[in-house]
Amino acid sequence: MLTTKKKQNIIKKNQVHATDTGSPEVQIAMISERIDELALHLKKHKKDNHSRRGLIKMVADRRSHLKHLEKTDKSRHEKVAKKLKA
């Protein structure tokens, strides 16, 4: 689970303008952070199938956000893709 401070840091790193909290870049970054945390949880708790299902849903959600961003603005999509790979 993401704490408020972690969320604020993620938003600050990925926001497009000063009051941005819901752009695709921010949403993708938030989902990616949640995916990372849940993946660590599942390494410890291998039989937690309910959380595994949630992880799969989050990965699909992130993929759909990325596809939408790719369709609307290729340059922004490339920036987000570079951040995810790094």
Protein backbone atom coordinates (compact mmCIF):
# COMPACT_ATOMS: atom_id res chain seq x y z
CA MET A 1 0.00 0.00 0.00
CA LEU A 2 1.33 3.42 -0.95
CA THR A 3 1.67 5.97 1.82
CA THR A 4 0.67 9.58 1.28
CA LYS A 5 4.30 10.70 1.20
CA LYS A 6 5.18 8.12 -1.46
CA LYS A 7 2.20 9.22 -3.55
CA GLN A 8 3.21 12.88 -3.26
CA ASN A 9 6.78 12.05 -4.33
CA ILE A 10 5.55 10.08 -7.33
CA ILE A 11 3.25 12.92 -8.34
CA LYS A 12 6.04 15.51 -8.03
CA LYS A 13 8.40 13.43 -10.17
CA ASN A 14 5.87 12.79 -12.96
CA GLN A 15 3.51 15.76 -13.08
CA VAL A 16 3.23 17.74 -16.30
CA HIS A 17 2.39 21.06 -14.60
CA ALA A 18 2.26 22.37 -11.03
CA THR A 19 -1.28 21.25 -10.16
CA ASP A 20 -1.25 18.00 -12.14
CA THR A 21 -2.44 14.91 -10.26
CA GLY A 22 -4.32 12.91 -12.90
CA SER A 23 -2.37 12.99 -16.15
CA PRO A 24 -1.60 9.65 -17.78
CA GLU A 25 2.06 9.98 -16.74
CA VAL A 26 1.13 10.30 -13.07
CA GLN A 27 -1.42 7.49 -13.24
CA ILE A 28 1.04 5.14 -14.95
CA ALA A 29 3.73 5.95 -12.38
CA MET A 30 1.33 5.30 -9.49
CA ILE A 31 0.20 1.99 -10.94
CA SER A 32 3.82 0.98 -11.59
CA GLU A 33 4.79 1.67 -7.99
CA ARG A 34 1.83 -0.38 -6.72
CA ILE A 35 2.82 -3.21 -9.07
CA ASP A 36 6.37 -3.19 -7.71
CA GLU A 37 5.17 -3.33 -4.11
CA LEU A 38 2.70 -6.12 -4.83
CA ALA A 39 5.35 -8.10 -6.70
CA LEU A 40 7.57 -7.96 -3.61
CA HIS A 41 4.63 -9.13 -1.48
CA LEU A 42 4.00 -12.06 -3.81
CA LYS A 43 7.64 -13.16 -3.62
CA LYS A 44 7.16 -13.71 0.10
CA HIS A 45 3.59 -15.05 -0.08
CA LYS A 46 3.57 -17.33 -3.10
CA LYS A 47 0.12 -18.79 -2.47
CA ASP A 48 -1.71 -15.44 -2.18
CA ASN A 49 -3.83 -15.86 -5.28
CA HIS A 50 -6.20 -13.00 -4.47
CA SER A 51 -3.35 -10.52 -4.55
CA ARG A 52 -1.99 -12.17 -7.69
CA ARG A 53 -5.30 -11.49 -9.41
CA GLY A 54 -5.09 -7.84 -8.34
CA LEU A 55 -1.57 -7.66 -9.75
CA ILE A 56 -2.73 -8.98 -13.09
CA LYS A 57 -5.53 -6.41 -13.16
CA MET A 58 -3.09 -3.59 -12.39
CA VAL A 59 -0.73 -4.70 -15.15
CA ALA A 60 -3.64 -4.71 -17.61
CA ASP A 61 -4.74 -1.28 -16.40
CA ARG A 62 -1.23 0.14 -16.86
CA ARG A 63 -1.05 -1.38 -20.33
CA SER A 64 -4.33 0.27 -21.33
CA HIS A 65 -3.12 3.64 -20.00
CA LEU A 66 0.06 3.24 -22.04
CA LYS A 67 -1.87 2.33 -25.19
CA HIS A 68 -4.12 5.36 -24.77
CA LEU A 69 -1.11 7.65 -24.30
CA GLU A 70 0.57 6.14 -27.35
CA LYS A 71 -2.49 6.85 -29.48
CA THR A 72 -2.88 10.43 -28.27
CA ASP A 73 0.73 11.64 -27.88
CA LYS A 74 3.71 9.56 -29.02
CA SER A 75 6.39 11.81 -27.52
CA ARG A 76 4.85 11.68 -24.04
CA HIS A 77 4.49 7.91 -24.40
CA GLU A 78 8.18 7.55 -25.23
CA LYS A 79 9.17 9.59 -22.15
CA VAL A 80 7.03 7.43 -19.88
CA ALA A 81 8.35 4.23 -21.47
CA LYS A 82 11.96 5.36 -20.83
CA LYS A 83 11.14 6.11 -17.18
CA LEU A 84 9.56 2.68 -16.75
CA LYS A 85 12.56 0.87 -18.20
CA ALA A 86 15.06 2.81 -16.07
